[in-house]
Amino acid sequence: MDQALVYLLQRGPTTAKELARLYEKSESRMREILKKHQTEIQTKKNDVGVNVFWVEPAGEMTPAEAATHADVEEAIDPTGEGREAHDAQVIADQDGCPLCGSTEPQTQAGPDGTFLGAARTCSNCGKTYNVLTKDEITMQPKAEKAKRTPLNPQYKIVEKVDAVKAAGGKLVYERESRQWVLTKAKHDPKRMTAKEFSLETADTLVAAIS
């Protein structure tokens, strides 16, 4: 598995549909990927009977893994407000899908309080409908995203990590706080957000622990 998918799975149990949205793949392709790596991925059914998938974090991340994890986190949750909640919510619709008759759990098409908050997307036929009128809603295709330049490219992270290590310090990405942490014996830890870290150079980081 590539590190972007590993990171998404390490965030906690997530449905294939939500992983497909975050990973920017079709749901069918996402299921193929999950099946391919089924020996590495844990799975179970959630409270509404939908399969969820996850991977347990294993040890301290390498600089390359930290770079990828930090970059993916910035891409899918730039403000940090959505870390504990997904945009979509799986709902058991007792009436079933009015378009195909499936009684499989449905997915809320948008956040509460918006037009799509009163709409459901069927996990069987993939169509979206209004829960009140039962009419199909035609979803507009998503605009193609512009290619995003990583705030902290991997080669720069490796350069900074190596420089700090050579100076007797340690530079790691802390997954829980989403911060970079610079440490050295007899020095107070220096904590940095992704933006603050991007403004540092190998020289300024070494100077901070000299």
N, C-alpha and C. Protein backbone atom coordinates (compact mmCIF):
# COMPACT_ATOMS: atom_id res chain seq x y z
N MET A 1 0.84 -1.21 0.00
CA MET A 1 0.00 0.00 0.00
C MET A 1 0.87 1.24 0.00
N ASP A 2 0.41 2.28 -0.71
CA ASP A 2 1.17 3.52 -0.65
C ASP A 2 0.86 4.24 0.67
N GLN A 3 1.73 5.17 1.05
CA GLN A 3 1.63 5.81 2.36
C GLN A 3 0.38 6.66 2.53
N ALA A 4 -0.15 7.22 1.43
CA ALA A 4 -1.37 8.03 1.53
C ALA A 4 -2.54 7.16 2.01
N LEU A 5 -2.67 5.96 1.44
CA LEU A 5 -3.75 5.06 1.85
C LEU A 5 -3.51 4.55 3.26
N VAL A 6 -2.27 4.24 3.60
CA VAL A 6 -1.94 3.80 4.96
C VAL A 6 -2.39 4.85 5.97
N TYR A 7 -2.10 6.12 5.67
CA TYR A 7 -2.48 7.19 6.58
C TYR A 7 -4.00 7.24 6.77
N LEU A 8 -4.75 7.17 5.66
CA LEU A 8 -6.21 7.24 5.75
C LEU A 8 -6.76 6.09 6.59
N LEU A 9 -6.16 4.92 6.45
CA LEU A 9 -6.61 3.76 7.21
C LEU A 9 -6.21 3.85 8.68
N GLN A 10 -5.10 4.53 8.97
CA GLN A 10 -4.66 4.67 10.35
C GLN A 10 -5.48 5.71 11.12
N ARG A 11 -6.31 6.49 10.42
CA ARG A 11 -7.15 7.49 11.10
C ARG A 11 -8.27 6.81 11.89
N GLY A 12 -8.58 5.55 11.55
CA GLY A 12 -9.61 4.83 12.27
C GLY A 12 -10.57 4.15 11.31
N PRO A 13 -11.49 3.30 11.81
CA PRO A 13 -12.42 2.56 10.95
C PRO A 13 -13.20 3.49 10.02
N THR A 14 -13.15 3.21 8.71
CA THR A 14 -13.76 4.05 7.69
C THR A 14 -14.38 3.17 6.62
N THR A 15 -15.52 3.60 6.08
CA THR A 15 -16.18 2.82 5.03
C THR A 15 -15.42 2.92 3.72
N ALA A 16 -15.64 1.96 2.83
CA ALA A 16 -15.00 1.97 1.53
C ALA A 16 -15.43 3.21 0.73
N LYS A 17 -16.68 3.61 0.90
CA LYS A 17 -17.19 4.79 0.18
C LYS A 17 -16.46 6.05 0.61
N GLU A 18 -16.24 6.20 1.92
CA GLU A 18 -15.56 7.39 2.41
C GLU A 18 -14.08 7.35 2.04
N LEU A 19 -13.47 6.16 2.09
CA LEU A 19 -12.07 6.04 1.67
C LEU A 19 -11.92 6.41 0.19
N ALA A 20 -12.88 5.98 -0.63
CA ALA A 20 -12.85 6.31 -2.06
C ALA A 20 -12.90 7.81 -2.27
N ARG A 21 -13.74 8.50 -1.48
CA ARG A 21 -13.85 9.96 -1.60
C ARG A 21 -12.54 10.64 -1.22
N LEU A 22 -11.96 10.22 -0.10
CA LEU A 22 -10.73 10.84 0.37
C LEU A 22 -9.54 10.49 -0.52
N TYR A 23 -9.53 9.28 -1.04
CA TYR A 23 -8.41 8.79 -1.86
C TYR A 23 -8.57 9.16 -3.33
N GLU A 24 -9.76 9.73 -3.64
CA GLU A 24 -10.08 10.18 -5.00
C GLU A 24 -10.03 9.03 -6.00
N LYS A 25 -10.70 7.93 -5.62
CA LYS A 25 -10.86 6.78 -6.50
C LYS A 25 -12.35 6.45 -6.56
N SER A 26 -12.74 5.66 -7.57
CA SER A 26 -14.13 5.19 -7.59
C SER A 26 -14.31 4.18 -6.47
N GLU A 27 -15.55 3.99 -6.03
CA GLU A 27 -15.79 3.06 -4.93
C GLU A 27 -15.42 1.63 -5.35
N SER A 28 -15.71 1.27 -6.60
CA SER A 28 -15.37 -0.08 -7.06
C SER A 28 -13.85 -0.29 -7.07
N ARG A 29 -13.11 0.73 -7.50
CA ARG A 29 -11.65 0.62 -7.51
C ARG A 29 -11.12 0.54 -6.08
N MET A 30 -11.75 1.31 -5.17
CA MET A 30 -11.32 1.30 -3.78
C MET A 30 -11.51 -0.10 -3.18
N ARG A 31 -12.62 -0.74 -3.50
CA ARG A 31 -12.86 -2.08 -2.97
C ARG A 31 -11.84 -3.08 -3.51
N GLU A 32 -11.42 -2.90 -4.76
CA GLU A 32 -10.39 -3.77 -5.33
C GLU A 32 -9.08 -3.62 -4.57
N ILE A 33 -8.74 -2.36 -4.25
CA ILE A 33 -7.50 -2.10 -3.52
C ILE A 33 -7.56 -2.70 -2.12
N LEU A 34 -8.69 -2.53 -1.44
CA LEU A 34 -8.85 -3.07 -0.10
C LEU A 34 -8.75 -4.61 -0.12
N LYS A 35 -9.33 -5.22 -1.14
CA LYS A 35 -9.28 -6.68 -1.24
C LYS A 35 -7.86 -7.15 -1.50
N LYS A 36 -7.13 -6.40 -2.32
CA LYS A 36 -5.75 -6.75 -2.65
C LYS A 36 -4.87 -6.76 -1.41
N HIS A 37 -5.17 -5.85 -0.45
CA HIS A 37 -4.34 -5.75 0.76
C HIS A 37 -5.08 -6.25 2.00
N GLN A 38 -5.99 -7.20 1.81
CA GLN A 38 -6.83 -7.66 2.91
C GLN A 38 -6.04 -8.31 4.05
N THR A 39 -4.85 -8.82 3.76
CA THR A 39 -4.06 -9.42 4.84
C THR A 39 -3.44 -8.35 5.75
N GLU A 40 -3.35 -7.11 5.26
CA GLU A 40 -2.75 -6.03 6.04
C GLU A 40 -3.80 -5.13 6.70
N ILE A 41 -5.03 -5.23 6.22
CA ILE A 41 -6.10 -4.31 6.67
C ILE A 41 -7.09 -5.04 7.55
N GLN A 42 -7.47 -4.43 8.65
CA GLN A 42 -8.48 -4.99 9.54
C GLN A 42 -9.86 -4.50 9.10
N THR A 43 -10.87 -5.31 9.33
CA THR A 43 -12.24 -4.94 8.94
C THR A 43 -13.26 -5.50 9.91
N LYS A 44 -14.39 -4.81 10.00
CA LYS A 44 -15.50 -5.27 10.83
C LYS A 44 -16.75 -4.53 10.35
N LYS A 45 -17.90 -4.91 10.85
CA LYS A 45 -19.13 -4.20 10.52
C LYS A 45 -19.41 -3.16 11.61
N ASN A 46 -19.85 -1.96 11.18
CA ASN A 46 -20.16 -0.92 12.18
C ASN A 46 -21.58 -1.12 12.72
N ASP A 47 -22.09 -0.13 13.44
CA ASP A 47 -23.39 -0.27 14.11
C ASP A 47 -24.56 -0.43 13.15
N VAL A 48 -24.40 0.00 11.89
CA VAL A 48 -25.50 -0.14 10.92
C VAL A 48 -25.21 -1.24 9.91
N GLY A 49 -24.23 -2.08 10.21
CA GLY A 49 -23.96 -3.24 9.38
C GLY A 49 -23.13 -3.01 8.14
N VAL A 50 -22.45 -1.88 8.08
CA VAL A 50 -21.59 -1.57 6.93
C VAL A 50 -20.14 -1.90 7.28
N ASN A 51 -19.41 -2.52 6.36
CA ASN A 51 -18.01 -2.86 6.60
C ASN A 51 -17.16 -1.59 6.71
N VAL A 52 -16.31 -1.56 7.71
CA VAL A 52 -15.35 -0.46 7.87
C VAL A 52 -13.95 -1.07 7.92
N PHE A 53 -12.95 -0.27 7.51
CA PHE A 53 -11.59 -0.77 7.36
C PHE A 53 -10.61 0.14 8.08
N TRP A 54 -9.53 -0.44 8.61
CA TRP A 54 -8.52 0.38 9.27
C TRP A 54 -7.21 -0.40 9.39
N VAL A 55 -6.15 0.33 9.70
CA VAL A 55 -4.83 -0.25 9.96
C VAL A 55 -4.31 0.36 11.24
N GLU A 56 -3.78 -0.46 12.12
CA GLU A 56 -3.24 0.03 13.39
C GLU A 56 -1.88 0.68 13.14
N PRO A 57 -1.64 1.88 13.71
CA PRO A 57 -0.32 2.52 13.57
C PRO A 57 0.76 1.61 14.14
N ALA A 58 1.91 1.59 13.48
CA ALA A 58 3.00 0.71 13.94
C ALA A 58 4.29 1.50 14.12
N GLY A 59 4.60 1.83 15.36
CA GLY A 59 5.89 2.45 15.67
C GLY A 59 6.05 3.87 15.15
N GLU A 60 7.28 4.36 15.25
CA GLU A 60 7.59 5.73 14.83
C GLU A 60 7.74 5.80 13.31
N MET A 61 7.23 6.87 12.71
CA MET A 61 7.28 7.02 11.27
C MET A 61 8.67 7.42 10.79
N THR A 62 9.01 6.97 9.59
CA THR A 62 10.24 7.42 8.95
C THR A 62 9.99 8.83 8.41
N PRO A 63 11.05 9.58 8.06
CA PRO A 63 10.85 10.91 7.47
C PRO A 63 9.95 10.88 6.24
N ALA A 64 10.12 9.86 5.39
CA ALA A 64 9.30 9.76 4.18
C ALA A 64 7.83 9.55 4.53
N GLU A 65 7.56 8.67 5.51
CA GLU A 65 6.19 8.43 5.94
C GLU A 65 5.60 9.68 6.57
N ALA A 66 6.38 10.37 7.38
CA ALA A 66 5.91 11.60 8.02
C ALA A 66 5.54 12.64 6.98
N ALA A 67 6.35 12.76 5.95
CA ALA A 67 6.09 13.73 4.89
C ALA A 67 4.76 13.43 4.20
N THR A 68 4.55 12.16 3.89
CA THR A 68 3.32 11.78 3.21
C THR A 68 2.11 11.97 4.11
N HIS A 69 2.20 11.54 5.36
CA HIS A 69 1.08 11.66 6.28
C HIS A 69 0.70 13.12 6.52
N ALA A 70 1.70 13.97 6.71
CA ALA A 70 1.43 15.38 6.94
C ALA A 70 0.79 16.02 5.72
N ASP A 71 1.26 15.63 4.54
CA ASP A 71 0.74 16.20 3.31
C ASP A 71 -0.70 15.77 3.06
N VAL A 72 -1.01 14.49 3.31
CA VAL A 72 -2.37 13.99 3.13
C VAL A 72 -3.31 14.68 4.12
N GLU A 73 -2.88 14.84 5.36
CA GLU A 73 -3.71 15.49 6.38
C GLU A 73 -4.04 16.92 5.95
N GLU A 74 -3.06 17.64 5.43
CA GLU A 74 -3.30 19.01 4.98
C GLU A 74 -4.28 19.04 3.82
N ALA A 75 -4.21 18.03 2.94
CA ALA A 75 -5.06 18.01 1.76
C ALA A 75 -6.51 17.72 2.10
N ILE A 76 -6.76 16.75 3.00
CA ILE A 76 -8.14 16.36 3.27
C ILE A 76 -8.77 17.13 4.42
N ASP A 77 -7.94 17.78 5.25
CA ASP A 77 -8.49 18.48 6.41
C ASP A 77 -7.60 19.67 6.75
N PRO A 78 -7.54 20.68 5.87
CA PRO A 78 -6.60 21.80 6.07
C PRO A 78 -6.81 22.59 7.35
N THR A 79 -8.04 22.64 7.87
CA THR A 79 -8.29 23.41 9.09
C THR A 79 -8.15 22.56 10.34
N GLY A 80 -8.17 21.24 10.19
CA GLY A 80 -8.09 20.35 11.35
C GLY A 80 -9.43 20.13 12.02
N GLU A 81 -10.50 20.76 11.51
CA GLU A 81 -11.80 20.66 12.17
C GLU A 81 -12.51 19.34 11.86
N GLY A 82 -12.11 18.68 10.80
CA GLY A 82 -12.83 17.47 10.42
C GLY A 82 -12.15 16.19 10.82
N ARG A 83 -11.14 16.25 11.68
CA ARG A 83 -10.37 15.06 12.03
C ARG A 83 -11.21 13.97 12.67
N GLU A 84 -12.19 14.36 13.48
CA GLU A 84 -12.97 13.36 14.20
C GLU A 84 -14.31 13.05 13.54
N ALA A 85 -14.66 13.76 12.44
CA ALA A 85 -15.96 13.54 11.82
C ALA A 85 -15.83 13.52 10.31
N HIS A 86 -16.49 12.61 9.66
CA HIS A 86 -16.49 12.54 8.21
C HIS A 86 -17.62 13.41 7.67
N ASP A 87 -17.48 13.85 6.41
CA ASP A 87 -18.51 14.67 5.79
C ASP A 87 -19.79 13.86 5.56
N ALA A 88 -19.62 12.58 5.24
CA ALA A 88 -20.78 11.75 4.94
C ALA A 88 -21.15 10.89 6.15
N GLN A 89 -22.42 10.63 6.29
CA GLN A 89 -22.90 9.85 7.42
C GLN A 89 -23.71 8.66 6.91
N VAL A 90 -23.37 7.46 7.38
CA VAL A 90 -24.10 6.26 6.97
C VAL A 90 -25.38 6.15 7.78
N ILE A 91 -26.50 5.96 7.08
CA ILE A 91 -27.82 5.96 7.71
C ILE A 91 -28.60 4.73 7.29
N ALA A 92 -29.29 4.13 8.21
CA ALA A 92 -30.16 3.01 7.89
C ALA A 92 -31.52 3.56 7.48
N ASP A 93 -31.88 3.47 6.20
CA ASP A 93 -33.14 3.98 5.68
C ASP A 93 -34.11 2.81 5.62
N GLN A 94 -35.05 2.78 6.55
CA GLN A 94 -35.96 1.64 6.66
C GLN A 94 -36.87 1.49 5.44
N ASP A 95 -37.14 2.59 4.74
CA ASP A 95 -38.00 2.53 3.56
C ASP A 95 -37.25 2.01 2.34
N GLY A 96 -35.95 1.97 2.42
CA GLY A 96 -35.16 1.52 1.29
C GLY A 96 -35.03 2.58 0.22
N CYS A 97 -34.23 2.28 -0.77
CA CYS A 97 -34.01 3.22 -1.88
C CYS A 97 -35.23 3.23 -2.79
N PRO A 98 -35.85 4.40 -3.04
CA PRO A 98 -37.04 4.45 -3.90
C PRO A 98 -36.71 4.24 -5.38
N LEU A 99 -35.42 4.27 -5.71
CA LEU A 99 -35.02 4.16 -7.11
C LEU A 99 -34.71 2.73 -7.53
N CYS A 100 -34.21 1.92 -6.57
CA CYS A 100 -33.91 0.53 -6.93
C CYS A 100 -34.50 -0.47 -5.94
N GLY A 101 -35.05 0.03 -4.82
CA GLY A 101 -35.68 -0.86 -3.84
C GLY A 101 -34.73 -1.48 -2.85
N SER A 102 -33.44 -1.17 -2.93
CA SER A 102 -32.47 -1.77 -2.03
C SER A 102 -32.69 -1.29 -0.60
N THR A 103 -32.50 -2.19 0.35
CA THR A 103 -32.62 -1.84 1.77
C THR A 103 -31.24 -1.74 2.43
N GLU A 104 -30.21 -1.68 1.59
CA GLU A 104 -28.86 -1.50 2.12
C GLU A 104 -28.76 -0.12 2.78
N PRO A 105 -27.88 0.04 3.80
CA PRO A 105 -27.71 1.35 4.43
C PRO A 105 -27.37 2.43 3.40
N GLN A 106 -27.96 3.60 3.58
CA GLN A 106 -27.75 4.72 2.66
C GLN A 106 -26.74 5.71 3.25
N THR A 107 -26.21 6.57 2.41
CA THR A 107 -25.23 7.56 2.85
C THR A 107 -25.79 8.95 2.68
N GLN A 108 -25.72 9.76 3.73
CA GLN A 108 -26.18 11.14 3.65
C GLN A 108 -25.33 11.87 2.61
N ALA A 109 -25.99 12.55 1.68
CA ALA A 109 -25.28 13.15 0.55
C ALA A 109 -24.57 14.44 0.89
N GLY A 110 -24.88 15.04 2.03
CA GLY A 110 -24.24 16.30 2.40
C GLY A 110 -24.45 16.59 3.88
N PRO A 111 -23.82 17.62 4.41
CA PRO A 111 -23.95 17.94 5.83
C PRO A 111 -25.35 18.43 6.20
N ASP A 112 -25.73 18.23 7.46
CA ASP A 112 -27.02 18.71 7.95
C ASP A 112 -27.14 20.21 7.74
N GLY A 113 -28.37 20.65 7.41
CA GLY A 113 -28.60 22.08 7.23
C GLY A 113 -28.38 22.56 5.81
N THR A 114 -27.92 21.67 4.92
CA THR A 114 -27.75 22.03 3.52
C THR A 114 -28.77 21.27 2.69
N PHE A 115 -28.88 21.62 1.41
CA PHE A 115 -29.82 20.95 0.52
C PHE A 115 -29.58 19.44 0.48
N LEU A 116 -28.31 19.06 0.40
CA LEU A 116 -27.97 17.64 0.31
C LEU A 116 -28.05 16.92 1.64
N GLY A 117 -28.28 17.69 2.72
CA GLY A 117 -28.46 17.05 4.01
C GLY A 117 -29.73 16.24 4.07
N ALA A 118 -30.69 16.57 3.22
CA ALA A 118 -31.97 15.85 3.15
C ALA A 118 -31.96 14.87 1.98
N ALA A 119 -30.79 14.53 1.52
CA ALA A 119 -30.67 13.58 0.41
C ALA A 119 -29.84 12.38 0.84
N ARG A 120 -30.09 11.26 0.19
CA ARG A 120 -29.36 10.03 0.48
C ARG A 120 -28.80 9.48 -0.81
N THR A 121 -27.63 8.86 -0.72
CA THR A 121 -27.03 8.18 -1.86
C THR A 121 -27.10 6.68 -1.60
N CYS A 122 -27.67 5.96 -2.50
CA CYS A 122 -27.86 4.52 -2.33
C CYS A 122 -26.54 3.78 -2.52
N SER A 123 -26.22 2.90 -1.57
CA SER A 123 -24.97 2.15 -1.66
C SER A 123 -25.08 1.00 -2.67
N ASN A 124 -26.31 0.74 -3.16
CA ASN A 124 -26.50 -0.34 -4.14
C ASN A 124 -26.45 0.18 -5.57
N CYS A 125 -27.31 1.19 -5.89
CA CYS A 125 -27.36 1.69 -7.27
C CYS A 125 -26.51 2.94 -7.48
N GLY A 126 -26.08 3.57 -6.37
CA GLY A 126 -25.22 4.74 -6.48
C GLY A 126 -25.95 6.03 -6.80
N LYS A 127 -27.28 6.00 -6.90
CA LYS A 127 -28.04 7.20 -7.22
C LYS A 127 -28.40 7.96 -5.94
N THR A 128 -28.65 9.26 -6.10
CA THR A 128 -29.00 10.12 -4.97
C THR A 128 -30.44 10.56 -5.09
N TYR A 129 -31.16 10.57 -3.95
CA TYR A 129 -32.58 10.94 -3.98
C TYR A 129 -32.94 11.80 -2.77
N ASN A 130 -34.01 12.57 -2.92
CA ASN A 130 -34.54 13.39 -1.83
C ASN A 130 -35.37 12.49 -0.93
N VAL A 131 -35.12 12.51 0.39
CA VAL A 131 -35.81 11.60 1.30
C VAL A 131 -37.29 11.95 1.46
N LEU A 132 -37.67 13.20 1.14
CA LEU A 132 -39.07 13.61 1.29
C LEU A 132 -39.88 13.32 0.03
N THR A 133 -39.36 13.73 -1.12
CA THR A 133 -40.09 13.53 -2.37
C THR A 133 -39.81 12.19 -3.01
N LYS A 134 -38.70 11.57 -2.61
CA LYS A 134 -38.23 10.30 -3.19
C LYS A 134 -37.79 10.45 -4.64
N ASP A 135 -37.64 11.70 -5.11
CA ASP A 135 -37.21 11.93 -6.48
C ASP A 135 -35.68 11.85 -6.57
N GLU A 136 -35.21 11.42 -7.73
CA GLU A 136 -33.76 11.34 -7.94
C GLU A 136 -33.18 12.74 -8.08
N ILE A 137 -32.00 12.93 -7.51
CA ILE A 137 -31.27 14.20 -7.63
C ILE A 137 -30.05 13.93 -8.49
N THR A 138 -29.91 14.73 -9.55
CA THR A 138 -28.75 14.58 -10.42
C THR A 138 -27.59 15.37 -9.84
N MET A 139 -26.56 14.66 -9.46
CA MET A 139 -25.40 15.31 -8.86
C MET A 139 -24.51 15.89 -9.95
N GLN A 140 -24.06 17.12 -9.73
CA GLN A 140 -23.15 17.75 -10.68
C GLN A 140 -21.78 17.10 -10.55
N PRO A 141 -21.13 16.81 -11.68
CA PRO A 141 -19.77 16.22 -11.59
C PRO A 141 -18.82 17.16 -10.90
N LYS A 142 -17.93 16.61 -10.10
CA LYS A 142 -16.97 17.42 -9.38
C LYS A 142 -15.97 18.05 -10.34
N ALA A 143 -15.68 19.30 -10.10
CA ALA A 143 -14.69 19.99 -10.94
C ALA A 143 -13.32 19.36 -10.69
N GLU A 144 -12.53 19.25 -11.72
CA GLU A 144 -11.20 18.66 -11.58
C GLU A 144 -10.35 19.53 -10.68
N LYS A 145 -9.74 18.92 -9.71
CA LYS A 145 -8.93 19.67 -8.76
C LYS A 145 -7.59 20.07 -9.38
N ALA A 146 -7.19 21.28 -9.06
CA ALA A 146 -5.88 21.73 -9.52
C ALA A 146 -4.81 20.95 -8.76
N LYS A 147 -3.72 20.65 -9.44
CA LYS A 147 -2.65 19.90 -8.79
C LYS A 147 -2.06 20.73 -7.66
N ARG A 148 -1.99 20.15 -6.47
CA ARG A 148 -1.56 20.88 -5.30
C ARG A 148 -0.08 20.65 -5.03
N THR A 149 0.62 21.73 -4.76
CA THR A 149 2.03 21.63 -4.43
C THR A 149 2.17 21.37 -2.93
N PRO A 150 2.86 20.30 -2.53
CA PRO A 150 3.00 20.01 -1.10
C PRO A 150 3.66 21.17 -0.37
N LEU A 151 3.13 21.47 0.81
CA LEU A 151 3.69 22.54 1.63
C LEU A 151 5.10 22.18 2.07
N ASN A 152 5.29 20.90 2.39
CA ASN A 152 6.60 20.41 2.83
C ASN A 152 7.00 19.22 1.97
N PRO A 153 7.66 19.46 0.84
CA PRO A 153 8.08 18.36 -0.04
C PRO A 153 8.97 17.37 0.71
N GLN A 154 8.90 16.13 0.30
CA GLN A 154 9.64 15.08 1.00
C GLN A 154 11.15 15.34 1.02
N TYR A 155 11.71 15.82 -0.09
CA TYR A 155 13.17 16.01 -0.12
C TYR A 155 13.62 17.07 0.87
N LYS A 156 12.77 18.08 1.12
CA LYS A 156 13.12 19.11 2.09
C LYS A 156 13.03 18.57 3.51
N ILE A 157 12.03 17.71 3.76
CA ILE A 157 11.88 17.12 5.09
C ILE A 157 13.09 16.24 5.41
N VAL A 158 13.48 15.40 4.46
CA VAL A 158 14.63 14.51 4.67
C VAL A 158 15.89 15.34 4.93
N GLU A 159 16.04 16.44 4.19
CA GLU A 159 17.20 17.31 4.37
C GLU A 159 17.24 17.89 5.78
N LYS A 160 16.09 18.33 6.28
CA LYS A 160 16.02 18.93 7.61
C LYS A 160 16.24 17.87 8.69
N VAL A 161 15.62 16.70 8.53
CA VAL A 161 15.77 15.61 9.50
C VAL A 161 17.24 15.19 9.60
N ASP A 162 17.89 15.05 8.46
CA ASP A 162 19.30 14.61 8.44
C ASP A 162 20.20 15.66 9.09
N ALA A 163 19.93 16.95 8.84
CA ALA A 163 20.76 18.02 9.40
C ALA A 163 20.62 18.07 10.93
N VAL A 164 19.39 17.92 11.41
CA VAL A 164 19.15 17.93 12.85
C VAL A 164 19.79 16.72 13.51
N LYS A 165 19.69 15.56 12.87
CA LYS A 165 20.29 14.35 13.42
C LYS A 165 21.80 14.49 13.52
N ALA A 166 22.42 15.09 12.49
CA ALA A 166 23.86 15.28 12.49
C ALA A 166 24.30 16.24 13.59
N ALA A 167 23.38 17.12 14.01
CA ALA A 167 23.68 18.08 15.07
C ALA A 167 23.34 17.52 16.46
N GLY A 168 22.95 16.25 16.50
CA GLY A 168 22.65 15.60 17.78
C GLY A 168 21.22 15.77 18.25
N GLY A 169 20.35 16.26 17.38
CA GLY A 169 18.95 16.45 17.75
C GLY A 169 18.05 15.44 17.08
N LYS A 170 16.75 15.68 17.22
CA LYS A 170 15.76 14.78 16.64
C LYS A 170 14.59 15.61 16.14
N LEU A 171 14.11 15.29 14.94
CA LEU A 171 12.99 16.00 14.33
C LEU A 171 11.97 14.97 13.87
N VAL A 172 10.77 15.02 14.45
CA VAL A 172 9.74 14.03 14.11
C VAL A 172 8.40 14.72 13.87
N TYR A 173 7.56 14.03 13.13
CA TYR A 173 6.18 14.50 12.92
C TYR A 173 5.29 13.79 13.92
N GLU A 174 4.60 14.56 14.76
CA GLU A 174 3.73 14.00 15.79
C GLU A 174 2.32 13.89 15.24
N ARG A 175 1.88 12.65 15.01
CA ARG A 175 0.59 12.40 14.37
C ARG A 175 -0.58 12.97 15.17
N GLU A 176 -0.55 12.82 16.49
CA GLU A 176 -1.69 13.24 17.31
C GLU A 176 -1.95 14.75 17.25
N SER A 177 -0.88 15.54 17.33
CA SER A 177 -1.03 17.01 17.35
C SER A 177 -0.91 17.64 15.97
N ARG A 178 -0.48 16.84 14.97
CA ARG A 178 -0.25 17.32 13.62
C ARG A 178 0.81 18.42 13.62
N GLN A 179 1.85 18.22 14.42
CA GLN A 179 2.94 19.19 14.51
C GLN A 179 4.29 18.51 14.33
N TRP A 180 5.26 19.30 13.89
CA TRP A 180 6.65 18.85 13.83
C TRP A 180 7.31 19.23 15.15
N VAL A 181 8.08 18.31 15.72
CA VAL A 181 8.69 18.54 17.03
C VAL A 181 10.21 18.37 16.92
N LEU A 182 10.92 19.44 17.33
CA LEU A 182 12.38 19.45 17.31
C LEU A 182 12.88 19.31 18.75
N THR A 183 13.70 18.32 19.02
CA THR A 183 14.19 18.08 20.38
C THR A 183 15.69 17.82 20.40
N LYS A 184 16.29 18.14 21.56
CA LYS A 184 17.69 17.81 21.82
C LYS A 184 17.88 17.90 23.33
N ALA A 185 18.74 17.06 23.86
CA ALA A 185 18.99 17.07 25.29
C ALA A 185 19.38 18.47 25.76
N LYS A 186 18.82 18.87 26.92
CA LYS A 186 19.08 20.16 27.55
C LYS A 186 18.50 21.35 26.77
N HIS A 187 17.62 21.08 25.83
CA HIS A 187 16.94 22.13 25.10
C HIS A 187 15.43 21.91 25.21
N ASP A 188 14.68 23.00 25.29
CA ASP A 188 13.23 22.88 25.30
C ASP A 188 12.75 22.45 23.92
N PRO A 189 11.74 21.58 23.85
CA PRO A 189 11.23 21.15 22.54
C PRO A 189 10.68 22.34 21.76
N LYS A 190 10.88 22.30 20.48
CA LYS A 190 10.34 23.34 19.59
C LYS A 190 9.24 22.68 18.76
N ARG A 191 8.00 23.17 18.90
CA ARG A 191 6.86 22.59 18.19
C ARG A 191 6.46 23.53 17.07
N MET A 192 6.15 22.95 15.90
CA MET A 192 5.83 23.76 14.73
C MET A 192 4.65 23.19 13.95
N THR A 193 3.76 24.06 13.51
CA THR A 193 2.70 23.63 12.60
C THR A 193 3.33 23.38 11.23
N ALA A 194 2.59 22.81 10.32
CA ALA A 194 3.10 22.55 8.98
C ALA A 194 3.56 23.84 8.31
N LYS A 195 2.79 24.91 8.51
CA LYS A 195 3.15 26.20 7.91
C LYS A 195 4.44 26.73 8.52
N GLU A 196 4.54 26.69 9.84
CA GLU A 196 5.74 27.17 10.52
C GLU A 196 6.96 26.34 10.11
N PHE A 197 6.77 25.03 10.01
CA PHE A 197 7.86 24.14 9.64
C PHE A 197 8.36 24.44 8.22
N SER A 198 7.42 24.81 7.32
CA SER A 198 7.80 25.09 5.94
C SER A 198 8.69 26.32 5.84
N LEU A 199 8.60 27.22 6.83
CA LEU A 199 9.40 28.45 6.81
C LEU A 199 10.81 28.24 7.36
N GLU A 200 11.02 27.10 8.02
CA GLU A 200 12.33 26.79 8.59
C GLU A 200 13.24 26.18 7.52
N THR A 201 14.54 26.35 7.71
CA THR A 201 15.53 25.69 6.86
C THR A 201 16.34 24.74 7.73
N ALA A 202 17.16 23.92 7.10
CA ALA A 202 18.03 23.01 7.87
C ALA A 202 18.92 23.83 8.81
N ASP A 203 19.41 24.96 8.32
CA ASP A 203 20.31 25.80 9.12
C ASP A 203 19.60 26.42 10.33
N THR A 204 18.37 26.92 10.15
CA THR A 204 17.68 27.55 11.27
C THR A 204 17.28 26.51 12.33
N LEU A 205 16.97 25.32 11.89
CA LEU A 205 16.63 24.27 12.85
C LEU A 205 17.84 23.84 13.67
N VAL A 206 18.98 23.70 12.99
CA VAL A 206 20.21 23.35 13.70
C VAL A 206 20.60 24.47 14.67
N ALA A 207 20.42 25.73 14.24
CA ALA A 207 20.75 26.87 15.10
C ALA A 207 19.88 26.88 16.36
N ALA A 208 18.64 26.39 16.24
CA ALA A 208 17.71 26.39 17.38
C ALA A 208 18.14 25.42 18.48
N ILE A 209 18.96 24.43 18.13
CA ILE A 209 19.41 23.46 19.15
C ILE A 209 20.91 23.55 19.40
N SER A 210 21.53 24.61 18.91
CA SER A 210 22.98 24.76 19.09
C SER A 210 23.28 25.48 20.39
